[in-house]
């Protein structure tokens, strides 16, 4: 049995999405940040894969020749920049929340603490 490239890309996107969702459902802030980042990577690869790979095609239109579509690359490049900025903001918010509450748990209450039992 031989695996196709489409199957490998689709399963890679699926596994990355599943790991991102799993990490986002964790109770600590660091795994949540990692989950958001992984989910962003999965979306970027999905958008890039939907643009198809053009081999030997010019990136700009010429007479009588086809051209590669630059839109998916532009979207992914923009998403990468926005993803870095968003990740930085979320990390700063998580650090501030830990400083204010004294805990890195998402709801600021440690499991089994007195606050949670009350």
Protein backbone atom coordinates (compact mmCIF):
# COMPACT_ATOMS: atom_id res chain seq x y z
CA UNK A 1 0.00 0.00 0.00
CA UNK A 2 1.41 3.37 -0.96
CA UNK A 3 0.33 6.58 0.68
CA UNK A 4 -0.43 9.60 -1.43
CA UNK A 5 0.89 13.04 -0.65
CA UNK A 6 -2.68 14.31 -0.28
CA UNK A 7 -3.35 11.74 2.44
CA UNK A 8 -0.16 12.68 4.28
CA UNK A 9 -0.93 16.42 4.16
CA UNK A 10 -4.55 15.86 5.23
CA UNK A 11 -3.57 13.58 8.11
CA UNK A 12 -0.84 16.03 9.20
CA UNK A 13 -3.36 18.87 9.25
CA UNK A 14 -5.84 16.66 11.13
CA UNK A 15 -3.30 15.59 13.77
CA UNK A 16 -2.08 19.15 14.26
CA UNK A 17 -5.67 20.36 14.67
CA UNK A 18 -6.48 17.56 17.11
CA UNK A 19 -3.37 18.25 19.21
CA UNK A 20 -4.14 21.97 19.20
CA UNK A 21 -7.71 21.40 20.40
CA UNK A 22 -6.52 18.94 23.06
CA UNK A 23 -3.99 21.46 24.38
CA UNK A 24 -6.55 24.28 24.34
CA UNK A 25 -8.79 22.23 26.65
CA UNK A 26 -6.08 21.88 29.30
CA UNK A 27 -6.33 23.73 32.60
CA UNK A 28 -3.02 25.63 32.51
CA UNK A 29 -2.23 28.71 30.47
CA UNK A 30 0.96 27.48 28.76
CA UNK A 31 -0.71 24.46 27.08
CA UNK A 32 -3.57 26.74 26.00
CA UNK A 33 -1.10 29.09 24.31
CA UNK A 34 0.62 26.13 22.62
CA UNK A 35 -2.77 24.82 21.49
CA UNK A 36 -3.69 28.16 19.94
CA UNK A 37 -0.35 28.24 18.15
CA UNK A 38 -0.74 24.70 16.82
CA UNK A 39 -4.26 25.48 15.63
CA UNK A 40 -2.91 28.53 13.82
CA UNK A 41 -0.24 26.39 12.13
CA UNK A 42 -2.88 23.89 11.03
CA UNK A 43 -5.00 26.64 9.49
CA UNK A 44 -1.96 28.09 7.70
CA UNK A 45 -1.00 24.73 6.20
CA UNK A 46 -4.63 24.14 5.20
CA UNK A 47 -4.85 27.50 3.40
CA UNK A 48 -1.50 26.90 1.72
CA UNK A 49 -2.48 23.39 0.60
CA UNK A 50 -5.76 24.63 -0.87
CA UNK A 51 -3.81 26.96 -3.17
CA UNK A 52 -2.25 23.97 -5.00
CA UNK A 53 1.41 23.66 -5.88
CA UNK A 54 2.38 25.00 -9.27
CA UNK A 55 5.68 23.74 -10.68
CA UNK A 56 7.42 25.67 -13.43
CA UNK A 57 4.76 28.37 -13.67
CA UNK A 58 5.59 32.07 -13.53
CA UNK A 59 4.26 33.96 -10.51
CA UNK A 60 3.15 36.86 -12.72
CA UNK A 61 0.87 36.71 -15.76
CA UNK A 62 2.53 36.52 -19.15
CA UNK A 63 0.98 36.27 -22.60
CA UNK A 64 -0.11 32.74 -23.43
CA UNK A 65 1.09 31.18 -20.16
CA UNK A 66 -0.70 30.18 -17.01
CA UNK A 67 0.32 31.62 -13.69
CA UNK A 68 0.59 30.42 -10.13
CA UNK A 69 -2.00 31.86 -7.78
CA UNK A 70 -0.22 34.22 -5.33
CA UNK A 71 -3.27 34.67 -3.08
CA UNK A 72 -2.74 31.61 -0.79
CA UNK A 73 0.90 32.57 -0.20
CA UNK A 74 -0.10 36.14 0.63
CA UNK A 75 -2.84 34.95 2.98
CA UNK A 76 -0.50 32.57 4.81
CA UNK A 77 2.23 35.19 5.10
CA UNK A 78 -0.25 37.66 6.56
CA UNK A 79 -1.63 34.98 8.91
CA UNK A 80 1.88 34.16 10.16
CA UNK A 81 2.53 37.80 11.06
CA UNK A 82 -0.86 38.15 12.77
CA UNK A 83 -0.29 34.83 14.55
CA UNK A 84 3.01 36.02 16.02
CA UNK A 85 1.39 39.22 17.27
CA UNK A 86 -1.58 37.34 18.74
CA UNK A 87 0.68 34.79 20.43
CA UNK A 88 2.70 37.59 22.00
CA UNK A 89 -0.47 39.25 23.27
CA UNK A 90 -1.85 35.99 24.72
CA UNK A 91 1.48 35.23 26.45
CA UNK A 92 1.53 38.71 27.97
CA UNK A 93 -2.05 38.30 29.18
CA UNK A 94 -1.20 34.88 30.68
CA UNK A 95 1.82 36.30 32.49
CA UNK A 96 -0.25 39.19 33.83
CA UNK A 97 -2.98 36.79 34.97
CA UNK A 98 -0.39 34.67 36.81
CA UNK A 99 1.02 37.78 38.46
CA UNK A 100 -2.43 38.99 39.56
CA UNK A 101 -3.87 35.66 40.74
CA UNK A 102 -0.74 33.78 41.80
CA UNK A 103 -1.76 30.75 39.72
CA UNK A 104 -1.30 29.73 36.12
CA UNK A 105 -4.59 27.82 36.06
CA UNK A 106 -7.03 29.12 33.46
CA UNK A 107 -9.79 29.99 35.96
CA UNK A 108 -7.18 31.15 38.55
CA UNK A 109 -8.16 28.40 41.03
CA UNK A 110 -5.96 25.40 41.64
CA UNK A 111 -7.79 22.05 41.50
CA UNK A 112 -8.60 20.92 45.06
CA UNK A 113 -8.07 24.35 46.62
CA UNK A 114 -10.40 25.91 49.18
CA UNK A 115 -11.67 28.49 46.68
CA UNK A 116 -12.84 25.75 44.31
CA UNK A 117 -14.58 23.74 47.04
CA UNK A 118 -16.52 26.70 48.39
